[in-house]
Amino acid sequence: MFRRRTDTATEEPSANPEVVKSGGKGRPTPKRSEAQKRNRQPITAPRTRKEAYQHARGRQARERQKAKEGMARGDDRYLPKRDQGPARRLARDFVDSRRTFGEYFMYLTLLILLLAMVTPVTIKTYVYQFGWPVMLVLIVGESIYLGRRVKKLAQERFPEDNVRGLGFYTATRSMQIRRFRMPQPRLKPGQKDQI
């Protein structure tokens, strides 16, 4: 049962060693001293505590700069949680591809305040009675409209994504001044065909 079979022919090793060795690396193994010399690298550890602090600050500054550039590009790895995902990217592109009343909110507010200071009292009352309410109605109405459109688009294109809070995200993006939006706009106004 556990004996060796004698009827099978035993193979004799061939006289040619290249035939036997088929998977070699094709070069001799280096000596340990040679391998250690090759792996040696100069020590770059800081000598003083102050030097170590400077190295750490430089490394952190480089990481922050890399994260800032990634966030400006819209790279999901560097974005905060609220800005990540394809539905949020769609909302940003949707808002950035059109001009909105909300992005001119600060400019309109300054204009109304200047008009109120410069104009006579009778005109001031009209500015306060009609200027502010009309501006607020336009901005709020547009924000609601944009939020609903983006939610509907996101549900059609990304049914598996969560669209909760997407309308508010769209509204806040539409009220930011275009230059200060973060992540920076990828589309210019009028590029609606690329959404």
C-alpha atoms as a PDB file:
ATOM      1  CA  MET A   1       0.000   0.000   0.000  1.00  0.00           C
ATOM      2  CA  PHE A   2       2.684   2.508   0.964  1.00  0.00           C
ATOM      3  CA  ARG A   3       5.472   0.967  -1.051  1.00  0.00           C
ATOM      4  CA  ARG A   4       7.200   2.527  -3.956  1.00  0.00           C
ATOM      5  CA  ARG A   5       6.178   1.436  -7.371  1.00  0.00           C
ATOM      6  CA  THR A   6       8.974  -0.193  -9.230  1.00  0.00           C
ATOM      7  CA  ASP A   7       7.331  -0.535 -12.603  1.00  0.00           C
ATOM      8  CA  THR A   8       7.583   3.194 -13.513  1.00  0.00           C
ATOM      9  CA  ALA A   9      10.726   4.319 -15.204  1.00  0.00           C
ATOM     10  CA  THR A  10      12.793   6.807 -13.300  1.00  0.00           C
ATOM     11  CA  GLU A  11      13.945   9.792 -15.254  1.00  0.00           C
ATOM     12  CA  GLU A  12      17.641  10.410 -15.319  1.00  0.00           C
ATOM     13  CA  PRO A  13      18.787  13.992 -15.189  1.00  0.00           C
ATOM     14  CA  SER A  14      19.940  15.173 -18.551  1.00  0.00           C
ATOM     15  CA  ALA A  15      23.545  15.959 -19.164  1.00  0.00           C
ATOM     16  CA  ASN A  16      22.742  19.494 -20.361  1.00  0.00           C
ATOM     17  CA  PRO A  17      22.031  21.781 -17.305  1.00  0.00           C
ATOM     18  CA  GLU A  18      20.332  24.491 -19.452  1.00  0.00           C
ATOM     19  CA  VAL A  19      17.560  22.070 -20.395  1.00  0.00           C
ATOM     20  CA  VAL A  20      16.795  21.266 -16.745  1.00  0.00           C
ATOM     21  CA  LYS A  21      16.825  24.865 -15.560  1.00  0.00           C
ATOM     22  CA  SER A  22      14.121  26.603 -17.553  1.00  0.00           C
ATOM     23  CA  GLY A  23      12.974  29.506 -15.353  1.00  0.00           C
ATOM     24  CA  GLY A  24      16.207  31.094 -14.119  1.00  0.00           C
ATOM     25  CA  LYS A  25      16.767  34.821 -13.747  1.00  0.00           C
ATOM     26  CA  GLY A  26      19.709  34.822 -16.131  1.00  0.00           C
ATOM     27  CA  ARG A  27      22.278  36.416 -13.784  1.00  0.00           C
ATOM     28  CA  PRO A  28      24.134  35.380 -10.648  1.00  0.00           C
ATOM     29  CA  THR A  29      22.755  36.207  -7.217  1.00  0.00           C
ATOM     30  CA  PRO A  30      24.575  39.250  -5.806  1.00  0.00           C
ATOM     31  CA  LYS A  31      26.545  39.024  -2.587  1.00  0.00           C
ATOM     32  CA  ARG A  32      24.897  40.334   0.535  1.00  0.00           C
ATOM     33  CA  SER A  33      27.421  43.163   0.896  1.00  0.00           C
ATOM     34  CA  GLU A  34      26.710  44.353  -2.673  1.00  0.00           C
ATOM     35  CA  ALA A  35      22.945  44.283  -2.127  1.00  0.00           C
ATOM     36  CA  GLN A  36      23.278  46.253   1.113  1.00  0.00           C
ATOM     37  CA  LYS A  37      25.464  48.869  -0.569  1.00  0.00           C
ATOM     38  CA  ARG A  38      22.873  49.286  -3.302  1.00  0.00           C
ATOM     39  CA  ASN A  39      20.023  49.700  -0.789  1.00  0.00           C
ATOM     40  CA  ARG A  40      21.809  52.265   1.362  1.00  0.00           C
ATOM     41  CA  GLN A  41      20.430  55.772   1.232  1.00  0.00           C
ATOM     42  CA  PRO A  42      21.669  58.873   2.967  1.00  0.00           C
ATOM     43  CA  ILE A  43      19.948  59.687   6.235  1.00  0.00           C
ATOM     44  CA  THR A  44      17.690  62.700   5.755  1.00  0.00           C
ATOM     45  CA  ALA A  45      16.374  62.959   9.289  1.00  0.00           C
ATOM     46  CA  PRO A  46      16.373  66.486  10.670  1.00  0.00           C
ATOM     47  CA  ARG A  47      19.161  67.266  13.123  1.00  0.00           C
ATOM     48  CA  THR A  48      17.268  69.644  15.387  1.00  0.00           C
ATOM     49  CA  ARG A  49      13.742  70.054  16.592  1.00  0.00           C
ATOM     50  CA  LYS A  50      13.420  73.342  14.728  1.00  0.00           C
ATOM     51  CA  GLU A  51      14.451  71.665  11.466  1.00  0.00           C
ATOM     52  CA  ALA A  52      11.912  68.881  12.046  1.00  0.00           C
ATOM     53  CA  TYR A  53       9.194  71.477  12.619  1.00  0.00           C
ATOM     54  CA  GLN A  54      10.132  73.282   9.385  1.00  0.00           C
ATOM     55  CA  HIS A  55      10.011  70.008   7.425  1.00  0.00           C
ATOM     56  CA  ALA A  56       6.597  69.180   8.881  1.00  0.00           C
ATOM     57  CA  ARG A  57       5.246  72.649   8.083  1.00  0.00           C
ATOM     58  CA  GLY A  58       6.548  72.456   4.519  1.00  0.00           C
ATOM     59  CA  ARG A  59       4.980  69.030   3.997  1.00  0.00           C
ATOM     60  CA  GLN A  60       1.638  70.205   5.432  1.00  0.00           C
ATOM     61  CA  ALA A  61       1.706  73.308   3.233  1.00  0.00           C
ATOM     62  CA  ARG A  62       2.291  71.165   0.132  1.00  0.00           C
ATOM     63  CA  GLU A  63      -0.581  68.847   1.115  1.00  0.00           C
ATOM     64  CA  ARG A  64      -2.902  71.810   1.711  1.00  0.00           C
ATOM     65  CA  GLN A  65      -1.974  73.315  -1.651  1.00  0.00           C
ATOM     66  CA  LYS A  66      -2.600  69.990  -3.376  1.00  0.00           C
ATOM     67  CA  ALA A  67      -5.992  69.679  -1.647  1.00  0.00           C
ATOM     68  CA  LYS A  68      -6.904  73.270  -2.563  1.00  0.00           C
ATOM     69  CA  GLU A  69      -6.054  72.706  -6.224  1.00  0.00           C
ATOM     70  CA  GLY A  70      -7.965  69.409  -6.229  1.00  0.00           C
ATOM     71  CA  MET A  71     -10.987  71.072  -4.678  1.00  0.00           C
ATOM     72  CA  ALA A  72     -10.883  73.914  -7.203  1.00  0.00           C
ATOM     73  CA  ARG A  73     -10.803  71.344 -10.037  1.00  0.00           C
ATOM     74  CA  GLY A  74     -13.762  69.490  -8.528  1.00  0.00           C
ATOM     75  CA  ASP A  75     -11.870  66.259  -7.811  1.00  0.00           C
ATOM     76  CA  ASP A  76     -14.120  64.127  -5.570  1.00  0.00           C
ATOM     77  CA  ARG A  77     -11.163  62.995  -3.421  1.00  0.00           C
ATOM     78  CA  TYR A  78     -10.578  66.530  -2.152  1.00  0.00           C
ATOM     79  CA  LEU A  79     -14.149  67.808  -1.973  1.00  0.00           C
ATOM     80  CA  PRO A  80     -16.106  67.968   1.264  1.00  0.00           C
ATOM     81  CA  LYS A  81     -18.828  65.348   1.687  1.00  0.00           C
ATOM     82  CA  ARG A  82     -21.601  67.807   0.726  1.00  0.00           C
ATOM     83  CA  ASP A  83     -20.010  68.424  -2.717  1.00  0.00           C
ATOM     84  CA  GLN A  84     -19.239  64.816  -3.670  1.00  0.00           C
ATOM     85  CA  GLY A  85     -21.104  62.681  -6.153  1.00  0.00           C
ATOM     86  CA  PRO A  86     -22.458  62.886  -9.680  1.00  0.00           C
ATOM     87  CA  ALA A  87     -25.759  64.500  -8.624  1.00  0.00           C
ATOM     88  CA  ARG A  88     -23.922  67.385  -6.959  1.00  0.00           C
ATOM     89  CA  ARG A  89     -21.671  67.783 -10.008  1.00  0.00           C
ATOM     90  CA  LEU A  90     -24.794  67.959 -12.158  1.00  0.00           C
ATOM     91  CA  ALA A  91     -26.241  70.660  -9.871  1.00  0.00           C
ATOM     92  CA  ARG A  92     -23.039  72.706 -10.064  1.00  0.00           C
ATOM     93  CA  ASP A  93     -22.872  72.437 -13.846  1.00  0.00           C
ATOM     94  CA  PHE A  94     -26.576  73.254 -14.185  1.00  0.00           C
ATOM     95  CA  VAL A  95     -26.209  76.451 -12.138  1.00  0.00           C
ATOM     96  CA  ASP A  96     -22.872  77.450 -13.670  1.00  0.00           C
ATOM     97  CA  SER A  97     -24.171  77.138 -17.228  1.00  0.00           C
ATOM     98  CA  ARG A  98     -26.649  80.002 -16.788  1.00  0.00           C
ATOM     99  CA  ARG A  99     -26.746  83.485 -15.321  1.00  0.00           C
ATOM    100  CA  THR A 100     -28.950  83.864 -12.255  1.00  0.00           C
ATOM    101  CA  PHE A 101     -30.403  86.774 -10.288  1.00  0.00           C
ATOM    102  CA  GLY A 102     -28.866  85.312  -7.153  1.00  0.00           C
ATOM    103  CA  GLU A 103     -25.294  85.801  -8.306  1.00  0.00           C
ATOM    104  CA  TYR A 104     -26.015  89.536  -8.676  1.00  0.00           C
ATOM    105  CA  PHE A 105     -27.668  89.756  -5.249  1.00  0.00           C
ATOM    106  CA  MET A 106     -24.760  91.585  -3.582  1.00  0.00           C
ATOM    107  CA  TYR A 107     -24.386  94.025  -6.476  1.00  0.00           C
ATOM    108  CA  LEU A 108     -28.121  94.756  -6.517  1.00  0.00           C
ATOM    109  CA  THR A 109     -28.109  95.268  -2.745  1.00  0.00           C
ATOM    110  CA  LEU A 110     -25.308  97.814  -3.000  1.00  0.00           C
ATOM    111  CA  LEU A 111     -27.098  99.572  -5.852  1.00  0.00           C
ATOM    112  CA  ILE A 112     -30.335  99.812  -3.855  1.00  0.00           C
ATOM    113  CA  LEU A 113     -28.466 101.152  -0.809  1.00  0.00           C
ATOM    114  CA  LEU A 114     -26.679 103.758  -2.923  1.00  0.00           C
ATOM    115  CA  LEU A 115     -29.931 104.797  -4.567  1.00  0.00           C
ATOM    116  CA  ALA A 116     -31.534 105.084  -1.152  1.00  0.00           C
ATOM    117  CA  MET A 117     -28.750 107.369   0.108  1.00  0.00           C
ATOM    118  CA  VAL A 118     -28.491 109.592  -2.972  1.00  0.00           C
ATOM    119  CA  THR A 119     -32.107 110.016  -4.028  1.00  0.00           C
ATOM    120  CA  PRO A 120     -34.724 112.229  -2.374  1.00  0.00           C
ATOM    121  CA  VAL A 121     -37.044 110.900   0.323  1.00  0.00           C
ATOM    122  CA  THR A 122     -39.971 110.244  -2.048  1.00  0.00           C
ATOM    123  CA  ILE A 123     -37.869 108.030  -4.272  1.00  0.00           C
ATOM    124  CA  LYS A 124     -36.353 106.251  -1.233  1.00  0.00           C
ATOM    125  CA  THR A 125     -39.770 105.045  -0.210  1.00  0.00           C
ATOM    126  CA  TYR A 126     -40.361 103.592  -3.661  1.00  0.00           C
ATOM    127  CA  VAL A 127     -36.934 101.928  -3.612  1.00  0.00           C
ATOM    128  CA  TYR A 128     -37.628 100.362  -0.214  1.00  0.00           C
ATOM    129  CA  GLN A 129     -41.215  99.452  -1.047  1.00  0.00           C
ATOM    130  CA  PHE A 130     -40.561  97.962  -4.471  1.00  0.00           C
ATOM    131  CA  GLY A 131     -36.810  97.412  -4.927  1.00  0.00           C
ATOM    132  CA  TRP A 132     -36.196  95.006  -2.050  1.00  0.00           C
ATOM    133  CA  PRO A 133     -39.368  92.948  -2.377  1.00  0.00           C
ATOM    134  CA  VAL A 134     -39.044  92.553  -6.148  1.00  0.00           C
ATOM    135  CA  MET A 135     -35.421  91.475  -5.819  1.00  0.00           C
ATOM    136  CA  LEU A 136     -36.212  88.988  -3.064  1.00  0.00           C
ATOM    137  CA  VAL A 137     -39.177  87.517  -4.963  1.00  0.00           C
ATOM    138  CA  LEU A 138     -37.031  87.082  -8.081  1.00  0.00           C
ATOM    139  CA  ILE A 139     -34.191  85.397  -6.182  1.00  0.00           C
ATOM    140  CA  VAL A 140     -36.404  83.096  -4.094  1.00  0.00           C
ATOM    141  CA  GLY A 141     -38.568  82.159  -7.094  1.00  0.00           C
ATOM    142  CA  GLU A 142     -35.543  81.421  -9.233  1.00  0.00           C
ATOM    143  CA  SER A 143     -33.931  79.347  -6.460  1.00  0.00           C
ATOM    144  CA  ILE A 144     -37.064  77.210  -6.075  1.00  0.00           C
ATOM    145  CA  TYR A 145     -37.322  76.744  -9.847  1.00  0.00           C
ATOM    146  CA  LEU A 146     -33.636  75.755 -10.210  1.00  0.00           C
ATOM    147  CA  GLY A 147     -33.816  73.392  -7.233  1.00  0.00           C
ATOM    148  CA  ARG A 148     -36.825  71.532  -8.641  1.00  0.00           C
ATOM    149  CA  ARG A 149     -35.326  71.294 -12.144  1.00  0.00           C
ATOM    150  CA  VAL A 150     -32.044  69.899 -10.835  1.00  0.00           C
ATOM    151  CA  LYS A 151     -33.787  67.392  -8.559  1.00  0.00           C
ATOM    152  CA  LYS A 152     -35.883  66.142 -11.463  1.00  0.00           C
ATOM    153  CA  LEU A 153     -32.837  65.850 -13.735  1.00  0.00           C
ATOM    154  CA  ALA A 154     -30.821  64.072 -11.044  1.00  0.00           C
ATOM    155  CA  GLN A 155     -33.610  61.548 -10.399  1.00  0.00           C
ATOM    156  CA  GLU A 156     -33.762  60.762 -14.115  1.00  0.00           C
ATOM    157  CA  ARG A 157     -30.006  60.453 -14.662  1.00  0.00           C
ATOM    158  CA  PHE A 158     -28.902  59.016 -11.305  1.00  0.00           C
ATOM    159  CA  PRO A 159     -31.821  57.065  -9.821  1.00  0.00           C
ATOM    160  CA  GLU A 160     -29.567  55.291  -7.310  1.00  0.00           C
ATOM    161  CA  ASP A 161     -28.162  58.548  -5.857  1.00  0.00           C
ATOM    162  CA  ASN A 162     -29.692  60.320  -2.898  1.00  0.00           C
ATOM    163  CA  VAL A 163     -31.145  63.676  -4.010  1.00  0.00           C
ATOM    164  CA  ARG A 164     -32.055  64.807  -0.519  1.00  0.00           C
ATOM    165  CA  GLY A 165     -30.860  68.386   0.022  1.00  0.00           C
ATOM    166  CA  LEU A 166     -29.998  68.836  -3.649  1.00  0.00           C
ATOM    167  CA  GLY A 167     -32.497  71.679  -4.118  1.00  0.00           C
ATOM    168  CA  PHE A 168     -30.994  73.670  -1.251  1.00  0.00           C
ATOM    169  CA  TYR A 169     -27.492  72.953  -2.555  1.00  0.00           C
ATOM    170  CA  THR A 170     -28.529  74.284  -5.974  1.00  0.00           C
ATOM    171  CA  ALA A 171     -30.125  77.396  -4.458  1.00  0.00           C
ATOM    172  CA  THR A 172     -27.075  78.272  -2.385  1.00  0.00           C
ATOM    173  CA  ARG A 173     -24.777  77.729  -5.374  1.00  0.00           C
ATOM    174  CA  SER A 174     -26.945  80.028  -7.505  1.00  0.00           C
ATOM    175  CA  MET A 175     -26.674  82.851  -4.933  1.00  0.00           C
ATOM    176  CA  GLN A 176     -22.873  82.812  -4.786  1.00  0.00           C
ATOM    177  CA  ILE A 177     -20.849  85.271  -6.824  1.00  0.00           C
ATOM    178  CA  ARG A 178     -19.449  83.337  -9.766  1.00  0.00           C
ATOM    179  CA  ARG A 179     -15.795  84.173  -9.035  1.00  0.00           C
ATOM    180  CA  PHE A 180     -15.989  82.916  -5.456  1.00  0.00           C
ATOM    181  CA  ARG A 181     -17.739  79.607  -6.109  1.00  0.00           C
ATOM    182  CA  MET A 182     -15.888  76.572  -4.867  1.00  0.00           C
ATOM    183  CA  PRO A 183     -15.338  74.212  -6.650  1.00  0.00           C
ATOM    184  CA  GLN A 184     -14.764  76.617  -9.497  1.00  0.00           C
ATOM    185  CA  PRO A 185     -17.273  76.580 -12.375  1.00  0.00           C
ATOM    186  CA  ARG A 186     -16.389  74.155 -15.172  1.00  0.00           C
ATOM    187  CA  LEU A 187     -18.892  75.643 -17.603  1.00  0.00           C
ATOM    188  CA  LYS A 188     -19.336  79.190 -18.773  1.00  0.00           C
ATOM    189  CA  PRO A 189     -22.768  80.816 -19.056  1.00  0.00           C
ATOM    190  CA  GLY A 190     -24.485  79.567 -22.186  1.00  0.00           C
ATOM    191  CA  GLN A 191     -22.838  76.106 -22.290  1.00  0.00           C
ATOM    192  CA  LYS A 192     -26.095  74.334 -21.456  1.00  0.00           C
ATOM    193  CA  ASP A 193     -25.533  71.635 -24.075  1.00  0.00           C
ATOM    194  CA  GLN A 194     -22.651  70.104 -22.056  1.00  0.00           C
ATOM    195  CA  ILE A 195     -24.762  69.248 -19.001  1.00  0.00           C
END
